[in-house]
Amino acid sequence: MLKPGDKAPDFKAETDGGETIRLKDYRGKKVVLYFYPKDNTPGCTTEACEFRDNSKELDARNAVVLGVSPDSVKSHDKFKAKFELPFPLVSDPEHEIAEAYGVWQEKSMYGRKYMGIVRSTFLIDEKGVVQEVWEKVRVKGHVAAVVEKT
């Protein structure tokens, strides 16, 4: 897992709408890079909608939000439209970005072990350096904490 002071790994990936972005495209702005397990699930929907509801405040702080999950571009398109999300959703089906950030980890549910996304958020500064890390995020109150640090 990355920690504050680490250089944020650059990536090139496809987003909803089929656009290709790179992290370095956002130099000069703060980036709230949040990883979530799956589109259209209760916790992930709540988190995305809280980022949506705070997007004006984040914009005012020169910050952009990027959501990352293993879901397909098509899934992201539907999720973004359904909840009117104003920020890009990055498709990471091979978990390359998640692995680079250390959030693709072994998880356990009902005694079964599997690999998956550990819900995490990284605040990256204008120069591409990690400033804050929230690991194993609990959705309730999380976005408010991110906004406060931005």
N, C-alpha and C. Protein backbone atom coordinates (compact mmCIF):
# COMPACT_ATOMS: atom_id res chain seq x y z
N MET A 1 0.86 -1.19 0.00
CA MET A 1 0.00 0.00 0.00
C MET A 1 0.89 1.23 0.00
N LEU A 2 0.55 2.18 -0.84
CA LEU A 2 1.29 3.44 -0.87
C LEU A 2 1.05 4.22 0.42
N LYS A 3 1.95 5.14 0.72
CA LYS A 3 1.80 5.97 1.91
C LYS A 3 2.09 7.42 1.56
N PRO A 4 1.67 8.36 2.42
CA PRO A 4 1.94 9.77 2.14
C PRO A 4 3.43 10.01 1.87
N GLY A 5 3.69 10.82 0.84
CA GLY A 5 5.06 11.11 0.43
C GLY A 5 5.50 10.29 -0.76
N ASP A 6 4.81 9.16 -1.04
CA ASP A 6 5.13 8.34 -2.21
C ASP A 6 4.65 9.03 -3.48
N LYS A 7 5.39 8.80 -4.57
CA LYS A 7 4.94 9.27 -5.87
C LYS A 7 3.80 8.36 -6.32
N ALA A 8 2.70 8.97 -6.75
CA ALA A 8 1.54 8.19 -7.21
C ALA A 8 1.87 7.54 -8.55
N PRO A 9 1.70 6.22 -8.66
CA PRO A 9 1.97 5.56 -9.94
C PRO A 9 1.05 6.09 -11.05
N ASP A 10 1.65 6.46 -12.18
CA ASP A 10 0.86 6.89 -13.32
C ASP A 10 0.17 5.67 -13.91
N PHE A 11 -0.91 5.90 -14.60
CA PHE A 11 -1.61 4.82 -15.29
C PHE A 11 -2.30 5.39 -16.52
N LYS A 12 -2.59 4.51 -17.45
CA LYS A 12 -3.36 4.85 -18.64
C LYS A 12 -4.51 3.86 -18.67
N ALA A 13 -5.74 4.36 -18.72
CA ALA A 13 -6.88 3.46 -18.66
C ALA A 13 -8.08 4.07 -19.34
N GLU A 14 -9.05 3.21 -19.64
CA GLU A 14 -10.29 3.63 -20.27
C GLU A 14 -11.32 3.98 -19.20
N THR A 15 -12.09 5.02 -19.46
CA THR A 15 -13.14 5.44 -18.53
C THR A 15 -14.50 5.23 -19.19
N ASP A 16 -15.54 5.54 -18.39
CA ASP A 16 -16.89 5.54 -18.96
C ASP A 16 -16.87 6.40 -20.22
N GLY A 17 -17.68 6.05 -21.17
CA GLY A 17 -17.71 6.80 -22.43
C GLY A 17 -16.58 6.41 -23.37
N GLY A 18 -15.69 5.51 -22.94
CA GLY A 18 -14.62 5.05 -23.80
C GLY A 18 -13.43 5.98 -23.92
N GLU A 19 -13.38 7.03 -23.10
CA GLU A 19 -12.25 7.95 -23.13
C GLU A 19 -11.04 7.29 -22.45
N THR A 20 -9.84 7.60 -22.95
CA THR A 20 -8.61 7.11 -22.32
C THR A 20 -7.97 8.26 -21.56
N ILE A 21 -7.64 8.00 -20.30
CA ILE A 21 -7.00 9.03 -19.47
C ILE A 21 -5.70 8.49 -18.89
N ARG A 22 -4.88 9.41 -18.44
CA ARG A 22 -3.67 9.09 -17.68
C ARG A 22 -3.74 9.93 -16.41
N LEU A 23 -3.17 9.43 -15.34
CA LEU A 23 -3.13 10.21 -14.11
C LEU A 23 -2.39 11.52 -14.33
N LYS A 24 -1.30 11.46 -15.10
CA LYS A 24 -0.50 12.67 -15.30
C LYS A 24 -1.26 13.77 -16.05
N ASP A 25 -2.39 13.42 -16.69
CA ASP A 25 -3.22 14.43 -17.34
C ASP A 25 -3.77 15.44 -16.33
N TYR A 26 -3.76 15.06 -15.07
CA TYR A 26 -4.36 15.90 -14.02
C TYR A 26 -3.32 16.66 -13.20
N ARG A 27 -2.06 16.70 -13.65
CA ARG A 27 -1.05 17.49 -12.94
C ARG A 27 -1.54 18.93 -12.84
N GLY A 28 -1.28 19.57 -11.72
CA GLY A 28 -1.76 20.92 -11.50
C GLY A 28 -3.08 20.96 -10.75
N LYS A 29 -3.69 19.78 -10.57
CA LYS A 29 -4.91 19.65 -9.77
C LYS A 29 -4.68 18.57 -8.72
N LYS A 30 -5.43 18.65 -7.64
CA LYS A 30 -5.43 17.55 -6.68
C LYS A 30 -6.32 16.46 -7.26
N VAL A 31 -5.96 15.22 -6.98
CA VAL A 31 -6.76 14.09 -7.45
C VAL A 31 -7.20 13.26 -6.25
N VAL A 32 -8.51 13.05 -6.16
CA VAL A 32 -9.07 12.11 -5.19
C VAL A 32 -9.30 10.83 -5.98
N LEU A 33 -8.41 9.86 -5.77
CA LEU A 33 -8.47 8.59 -6.49
C LEU A 33 -9.05 7.56 -5.53
N TYR A 34 -10.29 7.15 -5.82
CA TYR A 34 -10.90 6.19 -4.90
C TYR A 34 -11.19 4.88 -5.61
N PHE A 35 -10.87 3.81 -4.91
CA PHE A 35 -11.05 2.45 -5.41
C PHE A 35 -12.26 1.85 -4.71
N TYR A 36 -13.13 1.22 -5.50
CA TYR A 36 -14.32 0.59 -4.94
C TYR A 36 -14.54 -0.75 -5.63
N PRO A 37 -15.17 -1.70 -4.93
CA PRO A 37 -15.28 -3.06 -5.47
C PRO A 37 -16.18 -3.24 -6.69
N LYS A 38 -17.40 -2.63 -6.71
CA LYS A 38 -18.32 -2.98 -7.78
C LYS A 38 -19.42 -1.94 -7.97
N ASP A 39 -19.70 -1.62 -9.24
CA ASP A 39 -20.80 -0.73 -9.58
C ASP A 39 -22.13 -1.30 -9.06
N ASN A 40 -23.05 -0.39 -8.70
CA ASN A 40 -24.42 -0.75 -8.35
C ASN A 40 -24.57 -1.67 -7.15
N THR A 41 -23.64 -1.61 -6.21
CA THR A 41 -23.80 -2.32 -4.95
C THR A 41 -24.04 -1.25 -3.88
N PRO A 42 -24.66 -1.62 -2.77
CA PRO A 42 -25.09 -0.59 -1.81
C PRO A 42 -23.98 0.34 -1.32
N GLY A 43 -22.88 -0.19 -0.82
CA GLY A 43 -21.81 0.67 -0.30
C GLY A 43 -21.16 1.50 -1.38
N CYS A 44 -20.94 0.90 -2.54
CA CYS A 44 -20.28 1.61 -3.64
C CYS A 44 -21.17 2.72 -4.20
N THR A 45 -22.48 2.45 -4.23
CA THR A 45 -23.42 3.46 -4.70
C THR A 45 -23.46 4.64 -3.72
N THR A 46 -23.52 4.34 -2.44
CA THR A 46 -23.54 5.40 -1.42
C THR A 46 -22.28 6.25 -1.52
N GLU A 47 -21.13 5.60 -1.64
CA GLU A 47 -19.86 6.34 -1.73
C GLU A 47 -19.84 7.23 -2.98
N ALA A 48 -20.21 6.68 -4.12
CA ALA A 48 -20.21 7.45 -5.37
C ALA A 48 -21.15 8.65 -5.27
N CYS A 49 -22.33 8.44 -4.70
CA CYS A 49 -23.30 9.53 -4.59
C CYS A 49 -22.82 10.61 -3.61
N GLU A 50 -22.10 10.21 -2.56
CA GLU A 50 -21.55 11.21 -1.64
C GLU A 50 -20.45 12.03 -2.33
N PHE A 51 -19.63 11.38 -3.15
CA PHE A 51 -18.65 12.15 -3.94
C PHE A 51 -19.38 13.09 -4.90
N ARG A 52 -20.45 12.59 -5.53
CA ARG A 52 -21.25 13.43 -6.44
C ARG A 52 -21.80 14.65 -5.69
N ASP A 53 -22.35 14.41 -4.52
CA ASP A 53 -22.99 15.49 -3.76
C ASP A 53 -21.98 16.51 -3.23
N ASN A 54 -20.72 16.14 -3.19
CA ASN A 54 -19.67 17.05 -2.72
C ASN A 54 -18.78 17.55 -3.86
N SER A 55 -19.19 17.30 -5.10
CA SER A 55 -18.32 17.63 -6.23
C SER A 55 -18.08 19.13 -6.37
N LYS A 56 -19.06 19.96 -6.07
CA LYS A 56 -18.85 21.41 -6.18
C LYS A 56 -17.81 21.88 -5.16
N GLU A 57 -17.88 21.33 -3.96
CA GLU A 57 -16.90 21.68 -2.91
C GLU A 57 -15.50 21.23 -3.32
N LEU A 58 -15.39 20.05 -3.89
CA LEU A 58 -14.08 19.54 -4.34
C LEU A 58 -13.56 20.37 -5.52
N ASP A 59 -14.45 20.72 -6.45
CA ASP A 59 -14.06 21.59 -7.56
C ASP A 59 -13.49 22.91 -7.04
N ALA A 60 -14.14 23.47 -6.05
CA ALA A 60 -13.70 24.75 -5.47
C ALA A 60 -12.32 24.62 -4.83
N ARG A 61 -11.94 23.41 -4.48
CA ARG A 61 -10.63 23.16 -3.86
C ARG A 61 -9.60 22.66 -4.88
N ASN A 62 -9.91 22.84 -6.18
CA ASN A 62 -9.02 22.44 -7.28
C ASN A 62 -8.74 20.94 -7.27
N ALA A 63 -9.79 20.16 -6.96
CA ALA A 63 -9.64 18.70 -6.89
C ALA A 63 -10.59 18.02 -7.87
N VAL A 64 -10.10 16.94 -8.49
CA VAL A 64 -10.94 16.10 -9.34
C VAL A 64 -11.07 14.74 -8.68
N VAL A 65 -12.19 14.10 -8.93
CA VAL A 65 -12.45 12.76 -8.39
C VAL A 65 -12.35 11.77 -9.53
N LEU A 66 -11.67 10.66 -9.28
CA LEU A 66 -11.62 9.54 -10.22
C LEU A 66 -11.99 8.28 -9.44
N GLY A 67 -13.03 7.59 -9.87
CA GLY A 67 -13.41 6.32 -9.24
C GLY A 67 -12.85 5.17 -10.05
N VAL A 68 -12.29 4.16 -9.38
CA VAL A 68 -11.67 3.02 -10.07
C VAL A 68 -12.27 1.72 -9.54
N SER A 69 -12.70 0.86 -10.46
CA SER A 69 -13.13 -0.49 -10.09
C SER A 69 -12.82 -1.43 -11.25
N PRO A 70 -12.92 -2.74 -10.99
CA PRO A 70 -12.67 -3.71 -12.07
C PRO A 70 -13.79 -3.80 -13.10
N ASP A 71 -14.89 -3.07 -12.90
CA ASP A 71 -16.02 -3.15 -13.81
C ASP A 71 -15.67 -2.68 -15.22
N SER A 72 -16.45 -3.13 -16.19
CA SER A 72 -16.25 -2.77 -17.59
C SER A 72 -16.69 -1.32 -17.85
N VAL A 73 -16.26 -0.80 -18.98
CA VAL A 73 -16.68 0.54 -19.41
C VAL A 73 -18.20 0.58 -19.54
N LYS A 74 -18.79 -0.47 -20.09
CA LYS A 74 -20.25 -0.53 -20.26
C LYS A 74 -20.95 -0.45 -18.91
N SER A 75 -20.46 -1.17 -17.92
CA SER A 75 -21.03 -1.13 -16.57
C SER A 75 -20.90 0.28 -15.99
N HIS A 76 -19.72 0.88 -16.17
CA HIS A 76 -19.50 2.25 -15.69
C HIS A 76 -20.45 3.24 -16.35
N ASP A 77 -20.68 3.07 -17.66
CA ASP A 77 -21.60 3.96 -18.37
C ASP A 77 -22.98 3.94 -17.72
N LYS A 78 -23.48 2.73 -17.43
CA LYS A 78 -24.81 2.59 -16.83
C LYS A 78 -24.85 3.17 -15.42
N PHE A 79 -23.82 2.86 -14.62
CA PHE A 79 -23.74 3.32 -13.23
C PHE A 79 -23.68 4.85 -13.18
N LYS A 80 -22.84 5.42 -14.04
CA LYS A 80 -22.68 6.88 -14.07
C LYS A 80 -23.99 7.56 -14.47
N ALA A 81 -24.66 7.03 -15.50
CA ALA A 81 -25.92 7.63 -15.97
C ALA A 81 -27.02 7.49 -14.91
N LYS A 82 -27.12 6.33 -14.31
CA LYS A 82 -28.18 6.07 -13.33
C LYS A 82 -28.10 7.02 -12.14
N PHE A 83 -26.89 7.33 -11.69
CA PHE A 83 -26.72 8.16 -10.49
C PHE A 83 -26.18 9.57 -10.80
N GLU A 84 -26.13 9.93 -12.10
CA GLU A 84 -25.70 11.26 -12.53
C GLU A 84 -24.37 11.66 -11.90
N LEU A 85 -23.39 10.78 -12.03
CA LEU A 85 -22.07 11.02 -11.45
C LEU A 85 -21.29 11.98 -12.35
N PRO A 86 -20.75 13.06 -11.79
CA PRO A 86 -20.08 14.09 -12.61
C PRO A 86 -18.58 13.87 -12.78
N PHE A 87 -18.08 12.70 -12.44
CA PHE A 87 -16.64 12.44 -12.52
C PHE A 87 -16.38 11.14 -13.26
N PRO A 88 -15.16 10.96 -13.80
CA PRO A 88 -14.85 9.75 -14.56
C PRO A 88 -14.79 8.50 -13.67
N LEU A 89 -15.26 7.40 -14.24
CA LEU A 89 -15.12 6.08 -13.62
C LEU A 89 -14.14 5.30 -14.47
N VAL A 90 -13.07 4.85 -13.86
CA VAL A 90 -11.97 4.19 -14.56
C VAL A 90 -12.16 2.68 -14.51
N SER A 91 -12.06 2.04 -15.66
CA SER A 91 -12.18 0.59 -15.76
C SER A 91 -10.80 -0.05 -15.58
N ASP A 92 -10.71 -0.96 -14.62
CA ASP A 92 -9.45 -1.64 -14.30
C ASP A 92 -9.67 -3.16 -14.23
N PRO A 93 -10.11 -3.77 -15.37
CA PRO A 93 -10.49 -5.19 -15.34
C PRO A 93 -9.34 -6.15 -15.04
N GLU A 94 -8.12 -5.75 -15.34
CA GLU A 94 -6.97 -6.62 -15.07
C GLU A 94 -6.30 -6.29 -13.73
N HIS A 95 -6.89 -5.35 -13.00
CA HIS A 95 -6.42 -4.95 -11.65
C HIS A 95 -5.03 -4.33 -11.65
N GLU A 96 -4.58 -3.83 -12.80
CA GLU A 96 -3.23 -3.26 -12.87
C GLU A 96 -3.09 -2.01 -12.01
N ILE A 97 -4.08 -1.13 -12.05
CA ILE A 97 -4.02 0.09 -11.24
C ILE A 97 -4.16 -0.28 -9.77
N ALA A 98 -5.12 -1.14 -9.47
CA ALA A 98 -5.33 -1.57 -8.08
C ALA A 98 -4.07 -2.21 -7.50
N GLU A 99 -3.39 -3.01 -8.28
CA GLU A 99 -2.15 -3.64 -7.81
C GLU A 99 -1.06 -2.59 -7.60
N ALA A 100 -0.95 -1.62 -8.51
CA ALA A 100 0.08 -0.58 -8.38
C ALA A 100 -0.12 0.24 -7.10
N TYR A 101 -1.38 0.40 -6.69
CA TYR A 101 -1.69 1.17 -5.49
C TYR A 101 -1.81 0.29 -4.24
N GLY A 102 -1.67 -1.02 -4.42
CA GLY A 102 -1.69 -1.94 -3.28
C GLY A 102 -3.06 -2.23 -2.70
N VAL A 103 -4.11 -2.03 -3.50
CA VAL A 103 -5.46 -2.25 -2.97
C VAL A 103 -6.11 -3.54 -3.49
N TRP A 104 -5.40 -4.28 -4.33
CA TRP A 104 -5.88 -5.59 -4.78
C TRP A 104 -5.29 -6.60 -3.80
N GLN A 105 -6.13 -7.06 -2.89
CA GLN A 105 -5.65 -7.87 -1.76
C GLN A 105 -6.55 -9.07 -1.53
N GLU A 106 -6.02 -9.99 -0.73
CA GLU A 106 -6.82 -11.13 -0.33
C GLU A 106 -7.88 -10.67 0.67
N LYS A 107 -9.09 -11.12 0.44
CA LYS A 107 -10.21 -10.79 1.31
C LYS A 107 -10.84 -12.11 1.77
N SER A 108 -11.71 -12.00 2.75
CA SER A 108 -12.36 -13.19 3.27
C SER A 108 -13.83 -12.87 3.54
N MET A 109 -14.71 -13.77 3.08
CA MET A 109 -16.14 -13.62 3.36
C MET A 109 -16.72 -15.00 3.61
N TYR A 110 -17.37 -15.14 4.74
CA TYR A 110 -17.97 -16.43 5.14
C TYR A 110 -16.93 -17.55 5.08
N GLY A 111 -15.71 -17.24 5.48
CA GLY A 111 -14.64 -18.25 5.53
C GLY A 111 -13.99 -18.53 4.19
N ARG A 112 -14.48 -17.91 3.12
CA ARG A 112 -13.91 -18.12 1.78
C ARG A 112 -12.94 -16.99 1.48
N LYS A 113 -11.76 -17.34 1.03
CA LYS A 113 -10.75 -16.33 0.69
C LYS A 113 -10.78 -16.09 -0.82
N TYR A 114 -10.61 -14.83 -1.20
CA TYR A 114 -10.61 -14.45 -2.61
C TYR A 114 -9.86 -13.13 -2.75
N MET A 115 -9.49 -12.80 -3.98
CA MET A 115 -8.81 -11.53 -4.25
C MET A 115 -9.85 -10.49 -4.65
N GLY A 116 -9.65 -9.27 -4.15
CA GLY A 116 -10.60 -8.22 -4.49
C GLY A 116 -10.07 -6.85 -4.11
N ILE A 117 -10.85 -5.83 -4.42
CA ILE A 117 -10.51 -4.45 -4.11
C ILE A 117 -10.79 -4.19 -2.64
N VAL A 118 -9.80 -3.64 -1.94
CA VAL A 118 -10.01 -3.14 -0.59
C VAL A 118 -10.36 -1.67 -0.77
N ARG A 119 -11.57 -1.30 -0.37
CA ARG A 119 -12.05 0.08 -0.56
C ARG A 119 -11.05 1.05 0.05
N SER A 120 -10.46 1.89 -0.80
CA SER A 120 -9.38 2.80 -0.37
C SER A 120 -9.45 4.09 -1.19
N THR A 121 -8.94 5.17 -0.58
CA THR A 121 -8.91 6.46 -1.27
C THR A 121 -7.54 7.09 -1.09
N PHE A 122 -7.04 7.70 -2.16
CA PHE A 122 -5.75 8.38 -2.14
C PHE A 122 -5.97 9.83 -2.54
N LEU A 123 -5.42 10.75 -1.76
CA LEU A 123 -5.41 12.16 -2.11
C LEU A 123 -4.02 12.45 -2.67
N ILE A 124 -3.98 12.85 -3.94
CA ILE A 124 -2.73 13.09 -4.65
C ILE A 124 -2.63 14.58 -4.92
N ASP A 125 -1.47 15.17 -4.64
CA ASP A 125 -1.33 16.62 -4.81
C ASP A 125 -1.08 17.00 -6.27
N GLU A 126 -0.94 18.29 -6.51
CA GLU A 126 -0.79 18.84 -7.86
C GLU A 126 0.47 18.35 -8.57
N LYS A 127 1.44 17.84 -7.81
CA LYS A 127 2.69 17.36 -8.41
C LYS A 127 2.74 15.84 -8.53
N GLY A 128 1.65 15.16 -8.16
CA GLY A 128 1.60 13.71 -8.30
C GLY A 128 2.13 12.96 -7.10
N VAL A 129 2.13 13.58 -5.93
CA VAL A 129 2.62 12.94 -4.70
C VAL A 129 1.42 12.63 -3.80
N VAL A 130 1.41 11.42 -3.24
CA VAL A 130 0.34 11.01 -2.33
C VAL A 130 0.43 11.84 -1.05
N GLN A 131 -0.68 12.48 -0.68
CA GLN A 131 -0.74 13.30 0.53
C GLN A 131 -1.46 12.59 1.67
N GLU A 132 -2.50 11.85 1.35
CA GLU A 132 -3.30 11.14 2.35
C GLU A 132 -3.72 9.79 1.79
N VAL A 133 -3.87 8.81 2.68
CA VAL A 133 -4.36 7.49 2.29
C VAL A 133 -5.43 7.07 3.30
N TRP A 134 -6.57 6.66 2.78
CA TRP A 134 -7.61 6.07 3.62
C TRP A 134 -7.74 4.62 3.17
N GLU A 135 -7.43 3.70 4.06
CA GLU A 135 -7.43 2.27 3.76
C GLU A 135 -8.59 1.60 4.47
N LYS A 136 -9.15 0.57 3.84
CA LYS A 136 -10.28 -0.17 4.41
C LYS A 136 -11.37 0.81 4.85
N VAL A 137 -11.78 1.63 3.91
CA VAL A 137 -12.74 2.71 4.14
C VAL A 137 -14.09 2.18 4.59
N ARG A 138 -14.64 2.83 5.59
CA ARG A 138 -16.04 2.69 5.97
C ARG A 138 -16.76 3.86 5.29
N VAL A 139 -17.77 3.58 4.52
CA VAL A 139 -18.39 4.59 3.67
C VAL A 139 -18.96 5.76 4.47
N LYS A 140 -19.65 5.47 5.55
CA LYS A 140 -20.31 6.53 6.32
C LYS A 140 -19.28 7.54 6.83
N GLY A 141 -19.44 8.79 6.40
CA GLY A 141 -18.56 9.87 6.85
C GLY A 141 -17.24 9.99 6.10
N HIS A 142 -16.98 9.05 5.21
CA HIS A 142 -15.68 9.04 4.51
C HIS A 142 -15.49 10.26 3.61
N VAL A 143 -16.47 10.55 2.79
CA VAL A 143 -16.31 11.65 1.83
C VAL A 143 -16.12 12.97 2.55
N ALA A 144 -16.81 13.17 3.66
CA ALA A 144 -16.62 14.40 4.45
C ALA A 144 -15.18 14.52 4.93
N ALA A 145 -14.58 13.40 5.35
CA ALA A 145 -13.19 13.40 5.79
C ALA A 145 -12.25 13.73 4.64
N VAL A 146 -12.55 13.23 3.45
CA VAL A 146 -11.73 13.52 2.27
C VAL A 146 -11.83 15.01 1.92
N VAL A 147 -13.03 15.55 1.91
CA VAL A 147 -13.22 16.96 1.58
C VAL A 147 -12.45 17.82 2.58
N GLU A 148 -12.51 17.47 3.83
CA GLU A 148 -11.82 18.25 4.88
C GLU A 148 -10.32 18.30 4.64
N LYS A 149 -9.73 17.21 4.15
CA LYS A 149 -8.27 17.16 3.93
C LYS A 149 -7.84 17.76 2.60
N THR A 150 -8.78 17.96 1.69
CA THR A 150 -8.46 18.42 0.34
C THR A 150 -8.11 19.90 0.32
